[in-house]
Structures are given as structure tokens and as C-alpha cells.
Amino acid sequence: MYPQPRFILVKPAQLVNNGRIIRVDSLNPAAIYYYPGRADIMRANLQRKPTASRLIHQLLAFLPGLLTLLFPVWFFGQDQSSLLSKEEVRRFLLTAEVVKSEAIGKGITHPWRLTLSDGKLSHDASFQDVDVRAQEAGFAGGGRELNFADSFHYNVAAYELASLLELDDMVPIAVEREWKGKKGSLSWWVDDVKMDEEERLAKGIKPPDTGAWNRQMHKVRVFSQLIYDTDRNLQNILISNDWKLWMIDFTRAFRTLRKLPEEKDLAKCEKTLFSKLLELTKEAVSRTAGAHLTKWEIEALMARRDLIAAYFQRLIAEKGESAVLY
């Protein structure tokens, strides 16, 4: 594959290298052709008066290269982000410069929307630095919670766990990073969001493909039960324009309770997810998310995994595998 040039002349270049004519294709700027024949024939061909059609084609070929040169980030930055590998996204989140910031003004943890740039790519990310832990906490609506925690660490842990379960296409990549002297989680901003689940229900909008929607929601419910997320509110489920679901904001997950918050929410499970749940080990979780979870949080997670596996195995025994796994 030829590297794409940053800038290229429209008129084919006539360069001589060891008796060869090098010609740049103006209609395919990424390609360079070598003509091994007689130079005088190529020169005669290049000296012909260009037609109006050829001039238009050359101008159109010239325009993307010029825009890439003049506005590399503004014009092409967002499109290029979809071509990055997961490791490239992670590296971008860790190293790109913060060029803009604004308070989102939504959510109890007061997250920030940061615009990052590495000079070639520009993309947004969500920054949360909340890290509150208490033996007991009370809530305005009533109720109390022992061993309360509200921490950015759980955003990173949630992504690492999702990766182990092959659910990382539903959880944005998140890393730990320092910004303005504060450590926090930096999560890839989900593009092309149509609405969140709260808005969908409020407006009575139905998904175009009910089957595909339900299959995604079953994954969301299994994951939420596994991590014991006490704040899996409807605003934390985003819907893209192609009706893909994304789970965000896990700062109140990973409780140390060794039970399921809502067992009745578990109705079906994707086969791959069920298999990955059975394969999940304490060692794998510790290796990937141990920097963000305590020993007790990991042990509670594995206990809930066992409960989820046992629950689905009972359902399979009662209803048959085809009625439970898909």
C-alpha cells in the first residue's frame, strides 16, 4: 500500500531516474507509476494540451490534498478516528494534547468534555475525576449505603472487563490520565449519538428492529448485574443513529455485595457472552483491572459471575438452551 501524500501537484511530474520517467497519476494521488520506455514518447504525451474534462478531474484530485495540507485536523480529524485500532485510541487518549474543555453540566459527578489533538487527529473525550469513598452514605431520596464508593476508577475497570467479555463494542475505551493536576478517567466520546434511553422512552420512539434491540438490551442487563451498577440510569445508555447501544458512566459500579441487584432482569444471554462469563477468572480480572479494583471488589465480582452462570444454567434446564441463549 502506498502512503497517502500530504500534498501533491496536479500536473503529472516528469522526473528522470536511471533512464525512467516517473509519472504521478493526478486522478489517483496515492499511486506513482514508473514508465520504463523512451522518455521522448512520455514527454510528447505530457505536452499535449489538456482538455476541459481533464482539467476538472485534475482540480478535483488537487482539492483533497490541499485541504489536508491546510486543515489536517479540522477537515479530516473526525473521519480518521473511525480507522484507529483500539490500541491507537488508547494511546491517543493517553498522549494527545487537551486543546479545549467544557463542563458537560449533566450528571452528578460533573464530568468534562475535553477536545484532544495530536496534530493529525482531533476527537473529544469525557473526563471524570470523582473518587469518593465512605463507610456509609445517605441519599437525598432516602436510603443509606455501606462501603459507598463513587470513583472514576470504575470507568476504566468497566472497559477492561468488557474487553475480557468481548463487550468492548458497547463500552467506550477508557484510560486513567491526569488533567489540571487531577487524576481521572478519560473515556472516548461516543460519536453520532441519536438520543439516550430516557429520551427514547419519553418520546415513545420504537426501535426499527425490535429483535436486534432486545439482543443488545440483554447484554446491557447481564453486564449491569455483573458489575452491580447502582447508577445504571437511562441517561447512561446512549443510542447511536444506527441504533447501536453504548453504556457509559460506571462510577457507582463494582459494589462488594455478593448478590445480584435484580436477578429478574436476566432473561436471555448471548452465547458468546455466556461462554466468556464461564471462562472469566479472578487472575484475568486482576491482571487487566487490578489497578482500579480492590481485592474485595474483584472477589465480589467473581461471586456475582457464579450467581449469573448458575441462574442461566437453571433457566436452560427448565426451558431449553434455545429459549435462553441466542
C-alpha atoms as a PDB file:
ATOM      1  CA  MET A   1       0.000   0.000   0.000  1.00  0.00           C
ATOM      2  CA  TYR A   2       1.358   3.407  -0.924  1.00  0.00           C
ATOM      3  CA  PRO A   3       1.439   6.062   1.812  1.00  0.00           C
ATOM      4  CA  GLN A   4      -1.090   8.800   1.157  1.00  0.00           C
ATOM      5  CA  PRO A   5       0.683  12.080   0.334  1.00  0.00           C
ATOM      6  CA  ARG A   6       0.010  15.181   2.361  1.00  0.00           C
ATOM      7  CA  PHE A   7       0.141  17.404  -0.719  1.00  0.00           C
ATOM      8  CA  ILE A   8       0.567  16.666  -4.402  1.00  0.00           C
ATOM      9  CA  LEU A   9       0.863  18.672  -7.590  1.00  0.00           C
ATOM     10  CA  VAL A  10      -1.930  18.206 -10.092  1.00  0.00           C
ATOM     11  CA  LYS A  11       0.164  18.310 -13.242  1.00  0.00           C
ATOM     12  CA  PRO A  12       1.930  14.958 -13.684  1.00  0.00           C
ATOM     13  CA  ALA A  13       5.575  15.294 -12.725  1.00  0.00           C
ATOM     14  CA  GLN A  14       8.241  14.461 -15.265  1.00  0.00           C
ATOM     15  CA  LEU A  15      11.215  13.146 -13.353  1.00  0.00           C
ATOM     16  CA  VAL A  16      14.055  11.098 -14.768  1.00  0.00           C
ATOM     17  CA  ASN A  17      15.610   8.436 -12.546  1.00  0.00           C
ATOM     18  CA  ASN A  18      18.065   5.968 -14.091  1.00  0.00           C
ATOM     19  CA  GLY A  19      16.532   6.429 -17.505  1.00  0.00           C
ATOM     20  CA  ARG A  20      12.944   6.028 -16.263  1.00  0.00           C
ATOM     21  CA  ILE A  21      10.129   8.538 -16.370  1.00  0.00           C
ATOM     22  CA  ILE A  22       8.238   8.830 -13.083  1.00  0.00           C
ATOM     23  CA  ARG A  23       4.652   9.923 -13.586  1.00  0.00           C
ATOM     24  CA  VAL A  24       2.235  10.848 -10.814  1.00  0.00           C
ATOM     25  CA  ASP A  25      -1.371   9.927 -11.515  1.00  0.00           C
ATOM     26  CA  SER A  26      -3.423  13.066 -10.841  1.00  0.00           C
ATOM     27  CA  LEU A  27      -6.663  11.084 -10.586  1.00  0.00           C
ATOM     28  CA  ASN A  28      -5.202   8.688  -8.030  1.00  0.00           C
ATOM     29  CA  PRO A  29      -2.769  10.737  -5.949  1.00  0.00           C
ATOM     30  CA  ALA A  30      -1.684   7.811  -3.815  1.00  0.00           C
ATOM     31  CA  ALA A  31      -0.197   5.993  -6.822  1.00  0.00           C
ATOM     32  CA  ILE A  32       3.099   6.589  -8.620  1.00  0.00           C
ATOM     33  CA  TYR A  33       3.802   4.859 -11.887  1.00  0.00           C
ATOM     34  CA  TYR A  34       7.179   4.110 -13.457  1.00  0.00           C
ATOM     35  CA  TYR A  35       7.454   4.149 -17.246  1.00  0.00           C
ATOM     36  CA  PRO A  36      10.495   2.166 -18.397  1.00  0.00           C
ATOM     37  CA  GLY A  37      10.215   3.104 -22.085  1.00  0.00           C
ATOM     38  CA  ARG A  38      11.527   6.022 -24.140  1.00  0.00           C
ATOM     39  CA  ALA A  39      11.461   9.375 -22.405  1.00  0.00           C
ATOM     40  CA  ASP A  40      10.630  11.313 -25.591  1.00  0.00           C
ATOM     41  CA  ILE A  41       7.338   9.410 -26.017  1.00  0.00           C
ATOM     42  CA  MET A  42       6.284  10.242 -22.465  1.00  0.00           C
ATOM     43  CA  ARG A  43       7.266  13.881 -22.918  1.00  0.00           C
ATOM     44  CA  ALA A  44       5.141  14.143 -26.032  1.00  0.00           C
ATOM     45  CA  ASN A  45       2.207  12.673 -24.154  1.00  0.00           C
ATOM     46  CA  LEU A  46       2.632  15.085 -21.247  1.00  0.00           C
ATOM     47  CA  GLN A  47       2.920  18.118 -23.506  1.00  0.00           C
ATOM     48  CA  ARG A  48      -0.486  17.607 -25.125  1.00  0.00           C
ATOM     49  CA  LYS A  49      -2.915  20.395 -24.373  1.00  0.00           C
ATOM     50  CA  PRO A  50      -5.226  19.254 -21.558  1.00  0.00           C
ATOM     51  CA  THR A  51      -8.946  19.082 -22.267  1.00  0.00           C
ATOM     52  CA  ALA A  52     -11.558  20.804 -20.110  1.00  0.00           C
ATOM     53  CA  SER A  53     -12.611  17.434 -18.686  1.00  0.00           C
ATOM     54  CA  ARG A  54      -9.028  16.605 -17.739  1.00  0.00           C
ATOM     55  CA  LEU A  55      -8.588  19.990 -16.083  1.00  0.00           C
ATOM     56  CA  ILE A  56     -11.713  19.418 -13.985  1.00  0.00           C
ATOM     57  CA  HIS A  57     -10.508  15.972 -12.926  1.00  0.00           C
ATOM     58  CA  GLN A  58      -7.120  17.375 -12.033  1.00  0.00           C
ATOM     59  CA  LEU A  59      -8.698  20.151  -9.983  1.00  0.00           C
ATOM     60  CA  LEU A  60     -10.856  17.659  -8.069  1.00  0.00           C
ATOM     61  CA  ALA A  61      -7.798  15.498  -7.435  1.00  0.00           C
ATOM     62  CA  PHE A  62      -5.896  18.534  -6.175  1.00  0.00           C
ATOM     63  CA  LEU A  63      -8.578  19.725  -3.740  1.00  0.00           C
ATOM     64  CA  PRO A  64      -8.399  16.939  -1.078  1.00  0.00           C
ATOM     65  CA  GLY A  65      -4.627  17.205  -0.907  1.00  0.00           C
ATOM     66  CA  LEU A  66      -4.806  20.972  -0.473  1.00  0.00           C
ATOM     67  CA  LEU A  67      -7.464  20.724   2.256  1.00  0.00           C
ATOM     68  CA  THR A  68      -5.463  18.027   4.031  1.00  0.00           C
ATOM     69  CA  LEU A  69      -2.432  20.318   3.996  1.00  0.00           C
ATOM     70  CA  LEU A  70      -4.265  23.439   5.166  1.00  0.00           C
ATOM     71  CA  PHE A  71      -6.778  21.903   7.586  1.00  0.00           C
ATOM     72  CA  PRO A  72      -5.489  18.435   8.568  1.00  0.00           C
ATOM     73  CA  VAL A  73      -7.317  18.274  11.901  1.00  0.00           C
ATOM     74  CA  TRP A  74     -10.414  20.369  11.274  1.00  0.00           C
ATOM     75  CA  PHE A  75     -11.325  18.829   7.941  1.00  0.00           C
ATOM     76  CA  PHE A  76     -10.341  15.184   8.314  1.00  0.00           C
ATOM     77  CA  GLY A  77      -9.853  14.591  12.048  1.00  0.00           C
ATOM     78  CA  GLN A  78     -13.219  13.097  12.946  1.00  0.00           C
ATOM     79  CA  ASP A  79     -13.343  10.788   9.923  1.00  0.00           C
ATOM     80  CA  GLN A  80      -9.898   9.371  10.631  1.00  0.00           C
ATOM     81  CA  SER A  81     -10.855   8.418  14.188  1.00  0.00           C
ATOM     82  CA  SER A  82     -13.036   5.559  12.948  1.00  0.00           C
ATOM     83  CA  LEU A  83      -9.974   3.979  11.314  1.00  0.00           C
ATOM     84  CA  LEU A  84      -7.956   3.744  14.532  1.00  0.00           C
ATOM     85  CA  SER A  85      -7.297   0.440  16.250  1.00  0.00           C
ATOM     86  CA  LYS A  86      -8.218   0.076  19.920  1.00  0.00           C
ATOM     87  CA  GLU A  87      -4.574   0.376  20.901  1.00  0.00           C
ATOM     88  CA  GLU A  88      -4.239   3.557  18.825  1.00  0.00           C
ATOM     89  CA  VAL A  89      -7.319   5.012  20.532  1.00  0.00           C
ATOM     90  CA  ARG A  90      -5.863   4.149  23.923  1.00  0.00           C
ATOM     91  CA  ARG A  91      -2.532   5.770  23.034  1.00  0.00           C
ATOM     92  CA  PHE A  92      -4.334   8.856  21.706  1.00  0.00           C
ATOM     93  CA  LEU A  93      -6.286   9.236  24.959  1.00  0.00           C
ATOM     94  CA  LEU A  94      -3.091   8.917  26.972  1.00  0.00           C
ATOM     95  CA  THR A  95      -0.888  11.288  24.971  1.00  0.00           C
ATOM     96  CA  ALA A  96      -2.922  13.749  22.874  1.00  0.00           C
ATOM     97  CA  GLU A  97      -2.962  17.398  23.946  1.00  0.00           C
ATOM     98  CA  VAL A  98      -6.087  18.890  25.502  1.00  0.00           C
ATOM     99  CA  VAL A  99      -6.963  21.864  23.288  1.00  0.00           C
ATOM    100  CA  LYS A 100     -10.461  22.653  24.574  1.00  0.00           C
ATOM    101  CA  SER A 101     -12.592  21.887  27.614  1.00  0.00           C
ATOM    102  CA  GLU A 102     -16.161  22.481  28.725  1.00  0.00           C
ATOM    103  CA  ALA A 103     -18.277  21.299  31.636  1.00  0.00           C
ATOM    104  CA  ILE A 104     -20.969  18.925  30.428  1.00  0.00           C
ATOM    105  CA  GLY A 105     -23.453  20.101  33.051  1.00  0.00           C
ATOM    106  CA  LYS A 106     -25.148  16.714  33.176  1.00  0.00           C
ATOM    107  CA  GLY A 107     -24.683  14.030  35.781  1.00  0.00           C
ATOM    108  CA  ILE A 108     -23.893  14.113  39.486  1.00  0.00           C
ATOM    109  CA  THR A 109     -20.138  13.611  39.002  1.00  0.00           C
ATOM    110  CA  HIS A 110     -19.709  16.842  36.995  1.00  0.00           C
ATOM    111  CA  PRO A 111     -17.831  15.379  34.020  1.00  0.00           C
ATOM    112  CA  TRP A 112     -15.905  17.454  31.473  1.00  0.00           C
ATOM    113  CA  ARG A 113     -15.890  17.217  27.710  1.00  0.00           C
ATOM    114  CA  LEU A 114     -12.320  17.596  26.506  1.00  0.00           C
ATOM    115  CA  THR A 115     -11.176  18.039  22.921  1.00  0.00           C
ATOM    116  CA  LEU A 116      -7.888  16.262  22.252  1.00  0.00           C
ATOM    117  CA  SER A 117      -5.490  16.697  19.349  1.00  0.00           C
ATOM    118  CA  ASP A 118      -2.217  15.076  18.366  1.00  0.00           C
ATOM    119  CA  GLY A 119      -1.702  17.422  15.397  1.00  0.00           C
ATOM    120  CA  LYS A 120      -3.259  14.974  12.956  1.00  0.00           C
ATOM    121  CA  LEU A 121      -6.418  13.832  14.679  1.00  0.00           C
ATOM    122  CA  SER A 122      -8.931  15.685  16.820  1.00  0.00           C
ATOM    123  CA  HIS A 123     -11.516  13.929  18.971  1.00  0.00           C
ATOM    124  CA  ASP A 124     -13.469  14.502  22.180  1.00  0.00           C
ATOM    125  CA  ALA A 125     -13.323  12.555  25.423  1.00  0.00           C
ATOM    126  CA  SER A 126     -15.166  12.570  28.747  1.00  0.00           C
ATOM    127  CA  PHE A 127     -13.100  13.287  31.869  1.00  0.00           C
ATOM    128  CA  GLN A 128     -14.291  12.343  35.366  1.00  0.00           C
ATOM    129  CA  ASP A 129     -12.151  12.808  38.462  1.00  0.00           C
ATOM    130  CA  VAL A 130     -14.641  11.841  41.164  1.00  0.00           C
ATOM    131  CA  ASP A 131     -13.135   9.476  43.738  1.00  0.00           C
ATOM    132  CA  VAL A 132     -15.232   9.427  46.903  1.00  0.00           C
ATOM    133  CA  ARG A 133     -15.273   6.554  49.382  1.00  0.00           C
ATOM    134  CA  ALA A 134     -17.103   6.342  52.700  1.00  0.00           C
ATOM    135  CA  GLN A 135     -18.052   3.680  55.226  1.00  0.00           C
ATOM    136  CA  GLU A 136     -21.652   4.847  54.981  1.00  0.00           C
ATOM    137  CA  ALA A 137     -23.514   7.333  52.791  1.00  0.00           C
ATOM    138  CA  GLY A 138     -27.055   8.695  52.859  1.00  0.00           C
ATOM    139  CA  PHE A 139     -29.054   9.867  49.851  1.00  0.00           C
ATOM    140  CA  ALA A 140     -31.463  12.760  49.363  1.00  0.00           C
ATOM    141  CA  GLY A 141     -34.234  10.423  48.244  1.00  0.00           C
ATOM    142  CA  GLY A 142     -33.795   8.265  51.326  1.00  0.00           C
ATOM    143  CA  GLY A 143     -31.814   5.139  51.997  1.00  0.00           C
ATOM    144  CA  ARG A 144     -28.241   4.536  53.003  1.00  0.00           C
ATOM    145  CA  GLU A 145     -25.355   2.519  51.598  1.00  0.00           C
ATOM    146  CA  LEU A 146     -22.473   0.905  53.440  1.00  0.00           C
ATOM    147  CA  ASN A 147     -18.992   0.920  51.904  1.00  0.00           C
ATOM    148  CA  PHE A 148     -20.072   3.630  49.486  1.00  0.00           C
ATOM    149  CA  ALA A 149     -17.814   4.433  46.542  1.00  0.00           C
ATOM    150  CA  ASP A 150     -18.147   6.804  43.606  1.00  0.00           C
ATOM    151  CA  SER A 151     -14.939   6.584  41.603  1.00  0.00           C
ATOM    152  CA  PHE A 152     -13.500   7.262  38.163  1.00  0.00           C
ATOM    153  CA  HIS A 153     -11.509   4.042  38.564  1.00  0.00           C
ATOM    154  CA  TYR A 154     -14.652   2.058  37.798  1.00  0.00           C
ATOM    155  CA  ASN A 155     -14.905   3.580  34.304  1.00  0.00           C
ATOM    156  CA  VAL A 156     -11.509   2.121  33.428  1.00  0.00           C
ATOM    157  CA  ALA A 157     -12.289  -1.188  35.133  1.00  0.00           C
ATOM    158  CA  ALA A 158     -15.605  -1.463  33.278  1.00  0.00           C
ATOM    159  CA  TYR A 159     -13.887  -1.134  29.918  1.00  0.00           C
ATOM    160  CA  GLU A 160     -11.207  -3.679  30.824  1.00  0.00           C
ATOM    161  CA  LEU A 161     -13.852  -6.141  31.994  1.00  0.00           C
ATOM    162  CA  ALA A 162     -15.944  -5.523  28.869  1.00  0.00           C
ATOM    163  CA  SER A 163     -12.874  -6.356  26.784  1.00  0.00           C
ATOM    164  CA  LEU A 164     -12.489  -9.695  28.561  1.00  0.00           C
ATOM    165  CA  LEU A 165     -16.145 -10.468  27.814  1.00  0.00           C
ATOM    166  CA  GLU A 166     -15.977  -9.190  24.214  1.00  0.00           C
ATOM    167  CA  LEU A 167     -18.418  -6.401  25.066  1.00  0.00           C
ATOM    168  CA  ASP A 168     -15.925  -3.634  24.327  1.00  0.00           C
ATOM    169  CA  ASP A 169     -18.026  -2.629  21.312  1.00  0.00           C
ATOM    170  CA  MET A 170     -20.653  -1.420  23.802  1.00  0.00           C
ATOM    171  CA  VAL A 171     -18.375   0.329  26.323  1.00  0.00           C
ATOM    172  CA  PRO A 172     -16.138   3.260  25.267  1.00  0.00           C
ATOM    173  CA  ILE A 173     -12.392   2.855  25.697  1.00  0.00           C
ATOM    174  CA  ALA A 174     -11.288   4.464  28.967  1.00  0.00           C
ATOM    175  CA  VAL A 175      -7.862   5.158  30.446  1.00  0.00           C
ATOM    176  CA  GLU A 176      -6.537   6.815  33.578  1.00  0.00           C
ATOM    177  CA  ARG A 177      -4.995  10.220  32.928  1.00  0.00           C
ATOM    178  CA  GLU A 178      -4.122  13.392  34.803  1.00  0.00           C
ATOM    179  CA  TRP A 179      -5.592  16.727  33.740  1.00  0.00           C
ATOM    180  CA  LYS A 180      -5.054  20.035  35.532  1.00  0.00           C
ATOM    181  CA  GLY A 181      -3.357  18.268  38.414  1.00  0.00           C
ATOM    182  CA  LYS A 182      -6.190  15.790  38.964  1.00  0.00           C
ATOM    183  CA  LYS A 183      -6.227  12.109  38.124  1.00  0.00           C
ATOM    184  CA  GLY A 184      -9.334  10.791  36.454  1.00  0.00           C
ATOM    185  CA  SER A 185     -10.767   8.565  33.769  1.00  0.00           C
ATOM    186  CA  LEU A 186     -10.677   9.728  30.166  1.00  0.00           C
ATOM    187  CA  SER A 187     -13.262   7.955  28.014  1.00  0.00           C
ATOM    188  CA  TRP A 188     -13.565   8.100  24.235  1.00  0.00           C
ATOM    189  CA  TRP A 189     -16.504  10.309  23.302  1.00  0.00           C
ATOM    190  CA  VAL A 190     -19.255   8.339  21.557  1.00  0.00           C
ATOM    191  CA  ASP A 191     -19.938   9.894  18.166  1.00  0.00           C
ATOM    192  CA  ASP A 192     -23.175  10.004  16.235  1.00  0.00           C
ATOM    193  CA  VAL A 193     -25.488   9.815  19.259  1.00  0.00           C
ATOM    194  CA  LYS A 194     -29.158   9.988  18.373  1.00  0.00           C
ATOM    195  CA  MET A 195     -30.516  10.112  21.932  1.00  0.00           C
ATOM    196  CA  ASP A 196     -30.309   8.329  25.257  1.00  0.00           C
ATOM    197  CA  GLU A 197     -32.711   5.714  26.551  1.00  0.00           C
ATOM    198  CA  GLU A 198     -34.505   8.216  28.792  1.00  0.00           C
ATOM    199  CA  GLU A 199     -35.329  10.418  25.813  1.00  0.00           C
ATOM    200  CA  ARG A 200     -36.421   7.446  23.711  1.00  0.00           C
ATOM    201  CA  LEU A 201     -38.913   6.305  26.326  1.00  0.00           C
ATOM    202  CA  ALA A 202     -40.163   9.842  26.998  1.00  0.00           C
ATOM    203  CA  LYS A 203     -40.918  10.335  23.297  1.00  0.00           C
ATOM    204  CA  GLY A 204     -42.318   6.851  22.802  1.00  0.00           C
ATOM    205  CA  ILE A 205     -39.889   6.060  19.990  1.00  0.00           C
ATOM    206  CA  LYS A 206     -39.715   2.402  18.998  1.00  0.00           C
ATOM    207  CA  PRO A 207     -36.523   0.813  17.650  1.00  0.00           C
ATOM    208  CA  PRO A 208     -36.718  -0.114  13.953  1.00  0.00           C
ATOM    209  CA  ASP A 209     -35.553  -3.687  14.634  1.00  0.00           C
ATOM    210  CA  THR A 210     -37.058  -4.980  17.866  1.00  0.00           C
ATOM    211  CA  GLY A 211     -35.115  -8.240  17.751  1.00  0.00           C
ATOM    212  CA  ALA A 212     -31.729  -6.535  17.382  1.00  0.00           C
ATOM    213  CA  TRP A 213     -32.667  -4.058  20.098  1.00  0.00           C
ATOM    214  CA  ASN A 214     -33.634  -6.782  22.568  1.00  0.00           C
ATOM    215  CA  ARG A 215     -30.419  -8.695  21.904  1.00  0.00           C
ATOM    216  CA  GLN A 216     -28.418  -5.603  22.818  1.00  0.00           C
ATOM    217  CA  MET A 217     -30.522  -4.907  25.904  1.00  0.00           C
ATOM    218  CA  HIS A 218     -29.976  -8.452  27.196  1.00  0.00           C
ATOM    219  CA  LYS A 219     -26.219  -7.788  27.069  1.00  0.00           C
ATOM    220  CA  VAL A 220     -26.664  -4.495  28.920  1.00  0.00           C
ATOM    221  CA  ARG A 221     -28.653  -6.203  31.671  1.00  0.00           C
ATOM    222  CA  VAL A 222     -26.174  -9.043  32.120  1.00  0.00           C
ATOM    223  CA  PHE A 223     -23.243  -6.640  32.328  1.00  0.00           C
ATOM    224  CA  SER A 224     -25.071  -4.344  34.767  1.00  0.00           C
ATOM    225  CA  GLN A 225     -25.877  -7.278  37.059  1.00  0.00           C
ATOM    226  CA  LEU A 226     -22.289  -8.496  36.896  1.00  0.00           C
ATOM    227  CA  ILE A 227     -20.728  -5.182  37.935  1.00  0.00           C
ATOM    228  CA  TYR A 228     -23.568  -4.298  40.364  1.00  0.00           C
ATOM    229  CA  ASP A 229     -24.029  -0.813  38.932  1.00  0.00           C
ATOM    230  CA  THR A 230     -26.254   1.174  41.302  1.00  0.00           C
ATOM    231  CA  ASP A 231     -26.469   4.113  38.899  1.00  0.00           C
ATOM    232  CA  ARG A 232     -27.353   2.408  35.620  1.00  0.00           C
ATOM    233  CA  ASN A 233     -29.928   5.114  34.899  1.00  0.00           C
ATOM    234  CA  LEU A 234     -31.461   5.619  31.475  1.00  0.00           C
ATOM    235  CA  GLN A 235     -29.261   8.618  30.655  1.00  0.00           C
ATOM    236  CA  ASN A 236     -26.254   6.311  30.813  1.00  0.00           C
ATOM    237  CA  ILE A 237     -27.445   4.241  27.860  1.00  0.00           C
ATOM    238  CA  LEU A 238     -26.731   6.038  24.599  1.00  0.00           C
ATOM    239  CA  ILE A 239     -28.286   5.225  21.230  1.00  0.00           C
ATOM    240  CA  SER A 240     -26.440   5.980  18.003  1.00  0.00           C
ATOM    241  CA  ASN A 241     -28.110   6.856  14.709  1.00  0.00           C
ATOM    242  CA  ASP A 242     -27.824   3.229  13.589  1.00  0.00           C
ATOM    243  CA  TRP A 243     -29.488   2.125  16.862  1.00  0.00           C
ATOM    244  CA  LYS A 244     -26.375   0.751  18.471  1.00  0.00           C
ATOM    245  CA  LEU A 245     -26.320   0.851  22.282  1.00  0.00           C
ATOM    246  CA  TRP A 246     -23.453   2.251  24.335  1.00  0.00           C
ATOM    247  CA  MET A 247     -23.082   2.013  28.113  1.00  0.00           C
ATOM    248  CA  ILE A 248     -21.321   4.948  29.794  1.00  0.00           C
ATOM    249  CA  ASP A 249     -20.531   6.223  33.313  1.00  0.00           C
ATOM    250  CA  PHE A 250     -19.758   3.390  35.730  1.00  0.00           C
ATOM    251  CA  THR A 251     -18.577   5.440  38.724  1.00  0.00           C
ATOM    252  CA  ARG A 252     -21.037   3.727  41.095  1.00  0.00           C
ATOM    253  CA  ALA A 253     -20.472   0.157  39.988  1.00  0.00           C
ATOM    254  CA  PHE A 254     -18.409  -2.742  41.374  1.00  0.00           C
ATOM    255  CA  ARG A 255     -20.076  -2.971  44.773  1.00  0.00           C
ATOM    256  CA  THR A 256     -18.716  -5.516  47.234  1.00  0.00           C
ATOM    257  CA  LEU A 257     -22.094  -7.233  47.610  1.00  0.00           C
ATOM    258  CA  ARG A 258     -22.082 -10.905  46.701  1.00  0.00           C
ATOM    259  CA  LYS A 259     -25.598 -10.967  45.318  1.00  0.00           C
ATOM    260  CA  LEU A 260     -27.370  -9.771  42.178  1.00  0.00           C
ATOM    261  CA  PRO A 261     -29.201  -6.427  42.326  1.00  0.00           C
ATOM    262  CA  GLU A 262     -32.109  -7.567  40.112  1.00  0.00           C
ATOM    263  CA  GLU A 263     -31.970 -11.239  39.190  1.00  0.00           C
ATOM    264  CA  LYS A 264     -35.315 -10.983  37.392  1.00  0.00           C
ATOM    265  CA  ASP A 265     -33.697  -8.711  34.783  1.00  0.00           C
ATOM    266  CA  LEU A 266     -31.838 -11.748  33.468  1.00  0.00           C
ATOM    267  CA  ALA A 267     -33.987 -13.370  30.797  1.00  0.00           C
ATOM    268  CA  LYS A 268     -31.617 -14.294  27.975  1.00  0.00           C
ATOM    269  CA  CYS A 269     -27.904 -14.219  27.237  1.00  0.00           C
ATOM    270  CA  GLU A 270     -25.846 -14.186  24.076  1.00  0.00           C
ATOM    271  CA  LYS A 271     -23.938 -17.453  23.608  1.00  0.00           C
ATOM    272  CA  THR A 272     -20.540 -15.791  23.268  1.00  0.00           C
ATOM    273  CA  LEU A 273     -21.126 -13.671  26.371  1.00  0.00           C
ATOM    274  CA  PHE A 274     -22.240 -16.712  28.366  1.00  0.00           C
ATOM    275  CA  SER A 275     -19.141 -18.596  27.274  1.00  0.00           C
ATOM    276  CA  LYS A 276     -16.888 -15.673  28.216  1.00  0.00           C
ATOM    277  CA  LEU A 277     -18.577 -15.426  31.612  1.00  0.00           C
ATOM    278  CA  LEU A 278     -17.810 -19.076  32.299  1.00  0.00           C
ATOM    279  CA  GLU A 279     -14.193 -18.590  31.183  1.00  0.00           C
ATOM    280  CA  LEU A 280     -13.661 -15.454  33.286  1.00  0.00           C
ATOM    281  CA  THR A 281     -11.051 -15.892  36.014  1.00  0.00           C
ATOM    282  CA  LYS A 282     -10.051 -13.862  39.017  1.00  0.00           C
ATOM    283  CA  GLU A 283      -6.492 -13.791  37.669  1.00  0.00           C
ATOM    284  CA  ALA A 284      -7.588 -12.264  34.353  1.00  0.00           C
ATOM    285  CA  VAL A 285      -9.617  -9.556  36.096  1.00  0.00           C
ATOM    286  CA  SER A 286      -6.745  -8.789  38.464  1.00  0.00           C
ATOM    287  CA  ARG A 287      -4.283  -8.567  35.582  1.00  0.00           C
ATOM    288  CA  THR A 288      -6.356  -6.162  33.476  1.00  0.00           C
ATOM    289  CA  ALA A 289      -8.318  -4.175  36.073  1.00  0.00           C
ATOM    290  CA  GLY A 290      -6.422  -4.794  39.297  1.00  0.00           C
ATOM    291  CA  ALA A 291      -5.059  -1.240  39.340  1.00  0.00           C
ATOM    292  CA  HIS A 292      -8.627   0.067  39.581  1.00  0.00           C
ATOM    293  CA  LEU A 293     -10.409  -2.531  41.724  1.00  0.00           C
ATOM    294  CA  THR A 294      -9.734  -3.717  45.257  1.00  0.00           C
ATOM    295  CA  LYS A 295      -9.312  -7.352  46.185  1.00  0.00           C
ATOM    296  CA  TRP A 296     -12.806  -7.353  47.738  1.00  0.00           C
ATOM    297  CA  GLU A 297     -14.390  -5.781  44.670  1.00  0.00           C
ATOM    298  CA  ILE A 298     -12.851  -8.443  42.429  1.00  0.00           C
ATOM    299  CA  GLU A 299     -13.942 -11.257  44.741  1.00  0.00           C
ATOM    300  CA  ALA A 300     -17.500  -9.881  44.831  1.00  0.00           C
ATOM    301  CA  LEU A 301     -17.478  -9.598  41.026  1.00  0.00           C
ATOM    302  CA  MET A 302     -16.497 -13.261  40.683  1.00  0.00           C
ATOM    303  CA  ALA A 303     -19.197 -14.267  43.193  1.00  0.00           C
ATOM    304  CA  ARG A 304     -21.809 -12.473  41.069  1.00  0.00           C
ATOM    305  CA  ARG A 305     -20.411 -14.183  37.985  1.00  0.00           C
ATOM    306  CA  ASP A 306     -21.071 -17.521  39.663  1.00  0.00           C
ATOM    307  CA  LEU A 307     -24.638 -16.474  40.503  1.00  0.00           C
ATOM    308  CA  ILE A 308     -25.334 -15.339  36.929  1.00  0.00           C
ATOM    309  CA  ALA A 309     -23.921 -18.561  35.483  1.00  0.00           C
ATOM    310  CA  ALA A 310     -25.960 -20.700  37.890  1.00  0.00           C
ATOM    311  CA  TYR A 311     -29.120 -18.709  37.154  1.00  0.00           C
ATOM    312  CA  PHE A 312     -28.848 -19.164  33.394  1.00  0.00           C
ATOM    313  CA  GLN A 313     -27.985 -22.840  33.803  1.00  0.00           C
ATOM    314  CA  ARG A 314     -31.226 -23.291  35.776  1.00  0.00           C
ATOM    315  CA  LEU A 315     -33.186 -21.468  33.070  1.00  0.00           C
ATOM    316  CA  ILE A 316     -31.626 -23.676  30.401  1.00  0.00           C
ATOM    317  CA  ALA A 317     -32.593 -26.790  32.362  1.00  0.00           C
ATOM    318  CA  GLU A 318     -36.180 -25.523  32.670  1.00  0.00           C
ATOM    319  CA  LYS A 319     -36.778 -24.016  29.216  1.00  0.00           C
ATOM    320  CA  GLY A 320     -34.104 -25.467  26.968  1.00  0.00           C
ATOM    321  CA  GLU A 321     -30.961 -23.793  25.640  1.00  0.00           C
ATOM    322  CA  SER A 322     -32.624 -22.307  22.547  1.00  0.00           C
ATOM    323  CA  ALA A 323     -35.090 -20.403  24.744  1.00  0.00           C
ATOM    324  CA  VAL A 324     -32.334 -18.862  26.884  1.00  0.00           C
ATOM    325  CA  LEU A 325     -29.182 -18.490  24.783  1.00  0.00           C
ATOM    326  CA  TYR A 326     -29.091 -16.767  21.402  1.00  0.00           C
END
